[in-house]
N, C-alpha and C. Protein backbone atom coordinates (compact mmCIF):
# COMPACT_ATOMS: atom_id res chain seq x y z
N MET A 1 44.64 -17.57 -5.49
CA MET A 1 43.89 -18.19 -4.43
C MET A 1 43.54 -19.63 -4.83
N SER A 2 43.63 -20.51 -3.92
CA SER A 2 43.31 -21.89 -4.22
C SER A 2 41.80 -22.10 -4.14
N LYS A 3 41.37 -23.25 -4.66
CA LYS A 3 39.95 -23.56 -4.68
C LYS A 3 39.37 -23.66 -3.27
N SER A 4 40.12 -24.21 -2.36
CA SER A 4 39.61 -24.39 -1.00
C SER A 4 39.42 -23.04 -0.29
N SER A 5 40.32 -22.08 -0.53
CA SER A 5 40.17 -20.77 0.12
C SER A 5 39.00 -20.00 -0.50
N LYS A 6 38.77 -20.19 -1.82
CA LYS A 6 37.63 -19.55 -2.46
C LYS A 6 36.32 -20.10 -1.91
N SER A 7 36.25 -21.41 -1.75
CA SER A 7 35.02 -22.01 -1.25
C SER A 7 34.79 -21.63 0.22
N LYS A 8 35.90 -21.50 0.99
CA LYS A 8 35.76 -21.07 2.38
C LYS A 8 35.23 -19.65 2.44
N THR A 9 35.71 -18.78 1.54
CA THR A 9 35.27 -17.39 1.51
C THR A 9 33.79 -17.33 1.13
N LYS A 10 33.39 -18.13 0.12
CA LYS A 10 31.99 -18.13 -0.31
C LYS A 10 31.08 -18.67 0.79
N SER A 11 31.50 -19.74 1.45
CA SER A 11 30.66 -20.30 2.50
C SER A 11 30.57 -19.35 3.69
N LYS A 12 31.67 -18.64 3.99
CA LYS A 12 31.65 -17.67 5.07
C LYS A 12 30.70 -16.52 4.73
N ALA A 13 30.73 -16.05 3.47
CA ALA A 13 29.85 -14.98 3.04
C ALA A 13 28.39 -15.43 3.10
N LYS A 14 28.12 -16.67 2.70
CA LYS A 14 26.76 -17.20 2.76
C LYS A 14 26.28 -17.30 4.20
N THR A 15 27.15 -17.73 5.09
CA THR A 15 26.80 -17.86 6.50
C THR A 15 26.49 -16.48 7.09
N GLN A 16 27.30 -15.48 6.74
CA GLN A 16 27.08 -14.13 7.23
C GLN A 16 25.77 -13.57 6.68
N LEU A 17 25.47 -13.85 5.40
CA LEU A 17 24.24 -13.38 4.79
C LEU A 17 23.03 -14.02 5.46
N LYS A 18 23.10 -15.32 5.74
CA LYS A 18 21.99 -16.00 6.40
C LYS A 18 21.79 -15.46 7.81
N ALA A 19 22.87 -15.19 8.52
CA ALA A 19 22.76 -14.64 9.87
C ALA A 19 22.13 -13.25 9.83
N LYS A 20 22.50 -12.45 8.84
CA LYS A 20 21.95 -11.11 8.71
C LYS A 20 20.45 -11.18 8.40
N GLN A 21 20.06 -12.09 7.49
CA GLN A 21 18.65 -12.23 7.16
C GLN A 21 17.85 -12.74 8.35
N ALA A 22 18.41 -13.65 9.13
CA ALA A 22 17.73 -14.16 10.32
C ALA A 22 17.54 -13.05 11.35
N ALA A 23 18.55 -12.21 11.50
CA ALA A 23 18.45 -11.09 12.44
C ALA A 23 17.38 -10.10 11.99
N GLN A 24 17.32 -9.84 10.68
CA GLN A 24 16.31 -8.93 10.15
C GLN A 24 14.91 -9.49 10.35
N SER A 25 14.73 -10.78 10.07
CA SER A 25 13.41 -11.37 10.23
C SER A 25 13.02 -11.43 11.70
N GLU A 26 14.00 -11.62 12.59
CA GLU A 26 13.71 -11.65 14.02
C GLU A 26 13.26 -10.29 14.50
N THR A 27 13.93 -9.22 14.08
CA THR A 27 13.53 -7.88 14.50
C THR A 27 12.21 -7.51 13.86
N ARG A 28 11.98 -7.96 12.65
CA ARG A 28 10.72 -7.66 11.98
C ARG A 28 9.56 -8.37 12.66
N SER A 29 9.76 -9.63 13.05
CA SER A 29 8.68 -10.38 13.66
C SER A 29 8.42 -9.96 15.11
N SER A 30 9.37 -9.29 15.73
CA SER A 30 9.18 -8.88 17.11
C SER A 30 8.31 -7.63 17.22
N SER A 31 8.11 -6.91 16.13
CA SER A 31 7.31 -5.70 16.15
C SER A 31 5.82 -6.04 16.10
N ILE A 32 5.02 -5.28 16.83
CA ILE A 32 3.58 -5.54 16.85
C ILE A 32 2.95 -5.18 15.51
N THR A 33 3.55 -4.25 14.78
CA THR A 33 2.96 -3.81 13.52
C THR A 33 3.13 -4.82 12.40
N THR A 34 3.82 -5.90 12.65
CA THR A 34 3.94 -6.95 11.63
C THR A 34 2.90 -8.04 11.83
N LYS A 35 2.02 -7.87 12.77
CA LYS A 35 0.98 -8.85 13.03
C LYS A 35 -0.34 -8.39 12.43
N LYS A 36 -1.04 -9.30 11.75
CA LYS A 36 -2.32 -8.96 11.12
C LYS A 36 -3.36 -8.57 12.16
N SER A 37 -3.31 -9.21 13.31
CA SER A 37 -4.31 -8.92 14.34
C SER A 37 -4.25 -7.46 14.78
N TYR A 38 -3.07 -6.87 14.78
CA TYR A 38 -2.93 -5.46 15.15
C TYR A 38 -3.71 -4.58 14.19
N TRP A 39 -3.58 -4.82 12.90
CA TRP A 39 -4.23 -3.99 11.89
C TRP A 39 -5.74 -4.20 11.89
N VAL A 40 -6.18 -5.43 12.16
CA VAL A 40 -7.62 -5.69 12.25
C VAL A 40 -8.21 -4.96 13.45
N MET A 41 -7.54 -5.06 14.59
CA MET A 41 -8.03 -4.38 15.79
C MET A 41 -8.00 -2.86 15.64
N LEU A 42 -6.98 -2.35 15.00
CA LEU A 42 -6.90 -0.91 14.74
C LEU A 42 -8.08 -0.46 13.88
N SER A 43 -8.40 -1.23 12.86
CA SER A 43 -9.54 -0.90 12.00
C SER A 43 -10.85 -0.93 12.77
N VAL A 44 -11.04 -1.94 13.60
CA VAL A 44 -12.28 -2.06 14.38
C VAL A 44 -12.41 -0.88 15.34
N VAL A 45 -11.33 -0.53 16.00
CA VAL A 45 -11.38 0.59 16.95
C VAL A 45 -11.67 1.90 16.22
N ILE A 46 -11.03 2.11 15.09
CA ILE A 46 -11.26 3.34 14.32
C ILE A 46 -12.71 3.43 13.86
N VAL A 47 -13.26 2.33 13.36
CA VAL A 47 -14.66 2.33 12.92
C VAL A 47 -15.59 2.62 14.10
N ALA A 48 -15.33 2.00 15.23
CA ALA A 48 -16.19 2.23 16.40
C ALA A 48 -16.12 3.68 16.87
N VAL A 49 -14.92 4.22 16.98
CA VAL A 49 -14.76 5.60 17.46
C VAL A 49 -15.37 6.58 16.45
N PHE A 50 -15.10 6.39 15.17
CA PHE A 50 -15.64 7.31 14.17
C PHE A 50 -17.16 7.21 14.09
N SER A 51 -17.72 6.04 14.32
CA SER A 51 -19.18 5.90 14.31
C SER A 51 -19.80 6.73 15.43
N VAL A 52 -19.24 6.63 16.62
CA VAL A 52 -19.77 7.39 17.76
C VAL A 52 -19.58 8.89 17.55
N VAL A 53 -18.38 9.30 17.13
CA VAL A 53 -18.11 10.72 16.92
C VAL A 53 -18.96 11.26 15.77
N GLY A 54 -19.08 10.51 14.70
CA GLY A 54 -19.91 10.95 13.58
C GLY A 54 -21.37 11.08 13.96
N TYR A 55 -21.86 10.17 14.78
CA TYR A 55 -23.25 10.26 15.25
C TYR A 55 -23.43 11.49 16.14
N MET A 56 -22.46 11.74 17.02
CA MET A 56 -22.56 12.89 17.92
C MET A 56 -22.47 14.21 17.15
N LEU A 57 -21.71 14.24 16.07
CA LEU A 57 -21.58 15.46 15.27
C LEU A 57 -22.66 15.56 14.20
N GLU A 58 -23.56 14.57 14.17
CA GLU A 58 -24.69 14.53 13.24
C GLU A 58 -24.24 14.54 11.78
N PHE A 59 -23.24 13.73 11.47
CA PHE A 59 -22.82 13.55 10.08
C PHE A 59 -23.91 12.80 9.33
N ALA A 60 -24.03 13.08 8.07
CA ALA A 60 -24.93 12.28 7.24
C ALA A 60 -24.35 10.88 7.14
N LEU A 61 -25.21 9.89 7.07
CA LEU A 61 -24.77 8.50 7.07
C LEU A 61 -23.86 8.22 5.87
N VAL A 62 -24.17 8.80 4.72
CA VAL A 62 -23.34 8.58 3.52
C VAL A 62 -21.96 9.19 3.71
N ASP A 63 -21.90 10.38 4.27
CA ASP A 63 -20.61 11.03 4.51
C ASP A 63 -19.77 10.22 5.49
N LEU A 64 -20.39 9.77 6.56
CA LEU A 64 -19.69 8.99 7.56
C LEU A 64 -19.18 7.67 6.99
N ALA A 65 -20.03 7.01 6.21
CA ALA A 65 -19.63 5.74 5.61
C ALA A 65 -18.47 5.93 4.63
N ALA A 66 -18.52 6.98 3.81
CA ALA A 66 -17.44 7.24 2.85
C ALA A 66 -16.14 7.55 3.57
N LEU A 67 -16.20 8.33 4.62
CA LEU A 67 -15.00 8.68 5.38
C LEU A 67 -14.41 7.45 6.06
N MET A 68 -15.25 6.63 6.69
CA MET A 68 -14.75 5.43 7.36
C MET A 68 -14.19 4.43 6.35
N PHE A 69 -14.85 4.30 5.21
CA PHE A 69 -14.35 3.38 4.19
C PHE A 69 -12.97 3.82 3.71
N ALA A 70 -12.78 5.11 3.50
CA ALA A 70 -11.47 5.61 3.06
C ALA A 70 -10.41 5.38 4.13
N ILE A 71 -10.75 5.62 5.39
CA ILE A 71 -9.78 5.44 6.47
C ILE A 71 -9.42 3.97 6.65
N VAL A 72 -10.42 3.09 6.62
CA VAL A 72 -10.14 1.66 6.76
C VAL A 72 -9.35 1.15 5.57
N PHE A 73 -9.64 1.65 4.39
CA PHE A 73 -8.87 1.27 3.20
C PHE A 73 -7.41 1.71 3.35
N LEU A 74 -7.19 2.90 3.88
CA LEU A 74 -5.83 3.39 4.10
C LEU A 74 -5.10 2.54 5.14
N ILE A 75 -5.78 2.20 6.23
CA ILE A 75 -5.17 1.33 7.23
C ILE A 75 -4.86 -0.03 6.62
N GLY A 76 -5.76 -0.53 5.78
CA GLY A 76 -5.53 -1.81 5.12
C GLY A 76 -4.30 -1.78 4.22
N LEU A 77 -4.11 -0.68 3.49
CA LEU A 77 -2.93 -0.56 2.63
C LEU A 77 -1.65 -0.55 3.46
N ILE A 78 -1.63 0.26 4.51
CA ILE A 78 -0.44 0.34 5.35
C ILE A 78 -0.16 -1.00 6.01
N GLY A 79 -1.21 -1.66 6.50
CA GLY A 79 -1.04 -2.97 7.12
C GLY A 79 -0.55 -4.01 6.13
N TYR A 80 -1.08 -3.98 4.92
CA TYR A 80 -0.67 -4.92 3.88
C TYR A 80 0.82 -4.75 3.56
N ILE A 81 1.23 -3.50 3.41
CA ILE A 81 2.63 -3.23 3.09
C ILE A 81 3.53 -3.65 4.25
N ARG A 82 3.08 -3.42 5.47
CA ARG A 82 3.90 -3.74 6.65
C ARG A 82 3.98 -5.23 6.91
N VAL A 83 2.90 -5.96 6.65
CA VAL A 83 2.84 -7.38 7.00
C VAL A 83 3.45 -8.26 5.91
N THR A 84 3.18 -7.96 4.63
CA THR A 84 3.64 -8.85 3.57
C THR A 84 5.11 -8.60 3.25
N PRO A 85 5.87 -9.67 3.12
CA PRO A 85 7.28 -9.50 2.75
C PRO A 85 7.40 -9.21 1.25
N SER A 86 8.51 -8.62 0.87
CA SER A 86 8.75 -8.31 -0.53
C SER A 86 10.19 -8.65 -0.87
N ASN A 87 10.39 -9.09 -2.12
CA ASN A 87 11.74 -9.38 -2.57
C ASN A 87 12.44 -8.14 -3.11
N LEU A 88 11.74 -7.01 -3.12
CA LEU A 88 12.32 -5.76 -3.60
C LEU A 88 12.92 -4.96 -2.45
N SER A 89 13.86 -4.11 -2.78
CA SER A 89 14.38 -3.19 -1.77
C SER A 89 13.29 -2.16 -1.45
N ASN A 90 13.43 -1.47 -0.34
CA ASN A 90 12.43 -0.49 0.05
C ASN A 90 12.28 0.63 -0.99
N SER A 91 13.37 1.05 -1.59
CA SER A 91 13.28 2.13 -2.57
C SER A 91 12.55 1.67 -3.84
N LYS A 92 12.80 0.44 -4.27
CA LYS A 92 12.10 -0.06 -5.46
C LYS A 92 10.62 -0.30 -5.16
N ARG A 93 10.33 -0.83 -3.98
CA ARG A 93 8.94 -1.05 -3.61
C ARG A 93 8.22 0.30 -3.50
N GLY A 94 8.89 1.28 -2.93
CA GLY A 94 8.33 2.62 -2.83
C GLY A 94 8.07 3.24 -4.20
N THR A 95 8.96 2.94 -5.15
CA THR A 95 8.77 3.45 -6.51
C THR A 95 7.50 2.88 -7.12
N PHE A 96 7.29 1.58 -6.98
CA PHE A 96 6.07 0.97 -7.51
C PHE A 96 4.83 1.51 -6.82
N LEU A 97 4.89 1.71 -5.51
CA LEU A 97 3.75 2.28 -4.79
C LEU A 97 3.48 3.71 -5.24
N PHE A 98 4.54 4.50 -5.42
CA PHE A 98 4.38 5.89 -5.85
C PHE A 98 3.76 5.97 -7.25
N VAL A 99 4.26 5.13 -8.16
CA VAL A 99 3.70 5.13 -9.51
C VAL A 99 2.24 4.68 -9.48
N GLY A 100 1.95 3.68 -8.64
CA GLY A 100 0.57 3.22 -8.52
C GLY A 100 -0.34 4.31 -7.99
N ILE A 101 0.13 5.02 -6.96
CA ILE A 101 -0.69 6.07 -6.38
C ILE A 101 -0.84 7.25 -7.33
N SER A 102 0.28 7.77 -7.79
CA SER A 102 0.24 9.02 -8.55
C SER A 102 -0.30 8.85 -9.96
N VAL A 103 0.10 7.83 -10.66
CA VAL A 103 -0.32 7.68 -12.06
C VAL A 103 -1.62 6.88 -12.16
N ILE A 104 -1.61 5.67 -11.63
CA ILE A 104 -2.76 4.78 -11.80
C ILE A 104 -3.95 5.26 -10.97
N GLY A 105 -3.73 5.51 -9.68
CA GLY A 105 -4.83 5.91 -8.80
C GLY A 105 -5.46 7.22 -9.22
N PHE A 106 -4.63 8.22 -9.50
CA PHE A 106 -5.20 9.51 -9.92
C PHE A 106 -5.89 9.39 -11.27
N SER A 107 -5.36 8.57 -12.16
CA SER A 107 -6.01 8.37 -13.46
C SER A 107 -7.38 7.73 -13.30
N ILE A 108 -7.49 6.75 -12.42
CA ILE A 108 -8.78 6.12 -12.17
C ILE A 108 -9.78 7.16 -11.67
N TRP A 109 -9.36 7.97 -10.70
CA TRP A 109 -10.24 8.98 -10.15
C TRP A 109 -10.63 10.02 -11.20
N ALA A 110 -9.66 10.48 -11.98
CA ALA A 110 -9.93 11.50 -13.00
C ALA A 110 -10.89 10.96 -14.07
N ILE A 111 -10.72 9.71 -14.47
CA ILE A 111 -11.61 9.12 -15.47
C ILE A 111 -13.03 9.01 -14.92
N ILE A 112 -13.15 8.56 -13.67
CA ILE A 112 -14.48 8.45 -13.06
C ILE A 112 -15.14 9.82 -12.98
N MET A 113 -14.41 10.84 -12.53
CA MET A 113 -14.97 12.19 -12.42
C MET A 113 -15.33 12.76 -13.80
N LEU A 114 -14.49 12.49 -14.81
CA LEU A 114 -14.77 12.95 -16.17
C LEU A 114 -16.04 12.31 -16.71
N ILE A 115 -16.18 11.02 -16.50
CA ILE A 115 -17.38 10.32 -16.97
C ILE A 115 -18.62 10.84 -16.26
N LEU A 116 -18.53 11.01 -14.94
CA LEU A 116 -19.68 11.53 -14.20
C LEU A 116 -20.02 12.96 -14.60
N THR A 117 -19.01 13.77 -14.88
CA THR A 117 -19.26 15.15 -15.30
C THR A 117 -19.92 15.19 -16.67
N LYS A 118 -19.39 14.42 -17.62
CA LYS A 118 -19.94 14.40 -18.97
C LYS A 118 -21.36 13.82 -19.00
N ALA A 119 -21.62 12.87 -18.11
CA ALA A 119 -22.96 12.27 -18.04
C ALA A 119 -23.93 13.16 -17.28
N GLY A 120 -23.43 14.22 -16.67
CA GLY A 120 -24.29 15.12 -15.91
C GLY A 120 -24.69 14.58 -14.56
N LYS A 121 -24.00 13.54 -14.09
CA LYS A 121 -24.35 12.91 -12.81
C LYS A 121 -23.58 13.50 -11.64
N ILE A 122 -22.58 14.30 -11.89
CA ILE A 122 -21.74 14.81 -10.80
C ILE A 122 -22.55 15.70 -9.87
N GLU A 123 -23.52 16.45 -10.41
CA GLU A 123 -24.33 17.30 -9.55
C GLU A 123 -25.26 16.46 -8.68
N THR A 124 -25.84 15.39 -9.26
CA THR A 124 -26.76 14.58 -8.48
C THR A 124 -26.02 13.69 -7.48
N VAL A 125 -24.82 13.26 -7.85
CA VAL A 125 -24.06 12.41 -6.93
C VAL A 125 -23.50 13.25 -5.80
N PHE A 126 -22.89 14.38 -6.13
CA PHE A 126 -22.24 15.18 -5.10
C PHE A 126 -23.08 16.38 -4.67
N GLY A 127 -23.62 17.12 -5.63
CA GLY A 127 -24.46 18.26 -5.30
C GLY A 127 -23.92 19.05 -4.13
N GLU A 128 -24.60 19.00 -3.02
CA GLU A 128 -24.14 19.68 -1.81
C GLU A 128 -23.12 18.83 -1.07
N ARG A 129 -22.90 17.64 -1.48
CA ARG A 129 -21.99 16.71 -0.80
C ARG A 129 -20.61 16.73 -1.46
N VAL A 130 -20.02 17.89 -1.55
CA VAL A 130 -18.66 18.00 -2.08
C VAL A 130 -17.69 17.24 -1.18
N PHE A 131 -18.11 16.99 0.05
CA PHE A 131 -17.32 16.24 1.01
C PHE A 131 -16.92 14.87 0.45
N LEU A 132 -17.74 14.28 -0.39
CA LEU A 132 -17.48 12.95 -0.92
C LEU A 132 -16.35 12.93 -1.96
N LEU A 133 -15.97 14.07 -2.48
CA LEU A 133 -14.86 14.11 -3.45
C LEU A 133 -13.55 13.65 -2.81
N PHE A 134 -13.29 14.08 -1.60
CA PHE A 134 -12.03 13.73 -0.95
C PHE A 134 -11.93 12.24 -0.64
N PRO A 135 -12.92 11.62 0.01
CA PRO A 135 -12.82 10.17 0.22
C PRO A 135 -12.75 9.37 -1.08
N SER A 136 -13.45 9.82 -2.11
CA SER A 136 -13.37 9.10 -3.39
C SER A 136 -11.98 9.19 -3.98
N LEU A 137 -11.33 10.34 -3.84
CA LEU A 137 -9.95 10.49 -4.31
C LEU A 137 -9.02 9.58 -3.52
N ILE A 138 -9.16 9.56 -2.20
CA ILE A 138 -8.31 8.71 -1.34
C ILE A 138 -8.48 7.24 -1.71
N ILE A 139 -9.71 6.81 -1.90
CA ILE A 139 -9.97 5.41 -2.24
C ILE A 139 -9.34 5.06 -3.58
N CYS A 140 -9.46 5.93 -4.57
CA CYS A 140 -8.85 5.66 -5.88
C CYS A 140 -7.32 5.62 -5.79
N LEU A 141 -6.73 6.51 -4.99
CA LEU A 141 -5.28 6.50 -4.83
C LEU A 141 -4.82 5.21 -4.16
N ILE A 142 -5.58 4.72 -3.19
CA ILE A 142 -5.21 3.48 -2.51
C ILE A 142 -5.35 2.29 -3.44
N VAL A 143 -6.40 2.28 -4.26
CA VAL A 143 -6.54 1.20 -5.25
C VAL A 143 -5.35 1.23 -6.20
N GLY A 144 -4.91 2.42 -6.60
CA GLY A 144 -3.73 2.55 -7.44
C GLY A 144 -2.48 2.02 -6.76
N ALA A 145 -2.36 2.26 -5.45
CA ALA A 145 -1.21 1.75 -4.70
C ALA A 145 -1.21 0.22 -4.67
N PHE A 146 -2.38 -0.39 -4.47
CA PHE A 146 -2.47 -1.85 -4.51
C PHE A 146 -2.08 -2.38 -5.88
N ILE A 147 -2.52 -1.71 -6.94
CA ILE A 147 -2.15 -2.12 -8.30
C ILE A 147 -0.64 -1.99 -8.49
N GLY A 148 -0.05 -0.90 -8.00
CA GLY A 148 1.40 -0.73 -8.09
C GLY A 148 2.15 -1.80 -7.33
N GLU A 149 1.64 -2.18 -6.16
CA GLU A 149 2.26 -3.25 -5.37
C GLU A 149 2.19 -4.58 -6.13
N LEU A 150 1.05 -4.86 -6.74
CA LEU A 150 0.92 -6.10 -7.51
C LEU A 150 1.83 -6.09 -8.74
N MET A 151 1.97 -4.93 -9.36
CA MET A 151 2.90 -4.82 -10.49
C MET A 151 4.34 -5.08 -10.03
N GLY A 152 4.68 -4.62 -8.85
CA GLY A 152 6.03 -4.81 -8.31
C GLY A 152 6.34 -6.26 -8.00
N ARG A 153 5.33 -7.08 -7.83
CA ARG A 153 5.54 -8.51 -7.57
C ARG A 153 5.82 -9.30 -8.84
N ASN A 154 5.53 -8.72 -9.99
CA ASN A 154 5.75 -9.38 -11.27
C ASN A 154 7.22 -9.22 -11.67
N SER A 155 7.92 -10.33 -11.84
CA SER A 155 9.36 -10.26 -12.12
C SER A 155 9.65 -9.64 -13.49
N ARG A 156 8.78 -9.84 -14.47
CA ARG A 156 9.02 -9.24 -15.79
C ARG A 156 8.93 -7.72 -15.71
N ILE A 157 8.00 -7.21 -14.94
CA ILE A 157 7.88 -5.76 -14.78
C ILE A 157 9.07 -5.22 -14.00
N GLN A 158 9.52 -5.97 -12.99
CA GLN A 158 10.70 -5.57 -12.23
C GLN A 158 11.90 -5.44 -13.15
N HIS A 159 12.10 -6.43 -14.01
CA HIS A 159 13.26 -6.40 -14.91
C HIS A 159 13.11 -5.31 -15.97
N PHE A 160 11.87 -4.98 -16.34
CA PHE A 160 11.67 -3.92 -17.32
C PHE A 160 12.07 -2.56 -16.75
N PHE A 161 11.66 -2.29 -15.51
CA PHE A 161 11.95 -0.99 -14.90
C PHE A 161 13.33 -0.93 -14.25
N PHE A 162 13.76 -2.03 -13.69
CA PHE A 162 15.04 -2.07 -12.99
C PHE A 162 15.89 -3.16 -13.61
N LYS A 163 16.73 -2.78 -14.53
CA LYS A 163 17.59 -3.74 -15.21
C LYS A 163 18.58 -4.35 -14.23
N PRO A 164 18.82 -5.67 -14.36
CA PRO A 164 19.84 -6.27 -13.49
C PRO A 164 21.20 -5.62 -13.75
N LYS A 165 22.02 -5.54 -12.72
CA LYS A 165 23.32 -4.85 -12.82
C LYS A 165 24.26 -5.50 -13.82
N ASP A 166 24.12 -6.82 -14.01
CA ASP A 166 25.04 -7.48 -14.93
C ASP A 166 24.70 -7.20 -16.40
N ASP A 167 23.51 -6.64 -16.68
CA ASP A 167 23.14 -6.29 -18.04
C ASP A 167 23.71 -4.94 -18.46
N LEU A 168 24.14 -4.15 -17.51
CA LEU A 168 24.64 -2.80 -17.83
C LEU A 168 25.92 -2.89 -18.49
């Protein structure tokens, strides 16, 4: 192959790649779930509805606040993942999120519960409010997911877990 045909092939491939990326960004930007305002409004509506329903069901204020905080935190995580672009493939990004949730988030929750149990505070904190264990677990798992997402943005960590193909 001559140099001119190689350069034509490379430029054609680059043009096709740019067109594909433009089409992906166009379809991504056309969705309502890629807008921050959607996630903010969803959170506001959820808080308003849960406040009214919780008041009508006579939930304790602490229980209602813990539940709403966990739900809004979960919506925030999903919105953050949906809105922010990533240079990783979906499977690699999912791997970092999974490791963050399962290892880091659960470890944070387990350490907090262990410390509270050893200090004898678990009865006074939860006592009859075992309901608070679930929202606290959800919040810790979500914090772990955010940590996993931040780890996935670090290129050194990416190269540590996912070796470039040319190194194999």
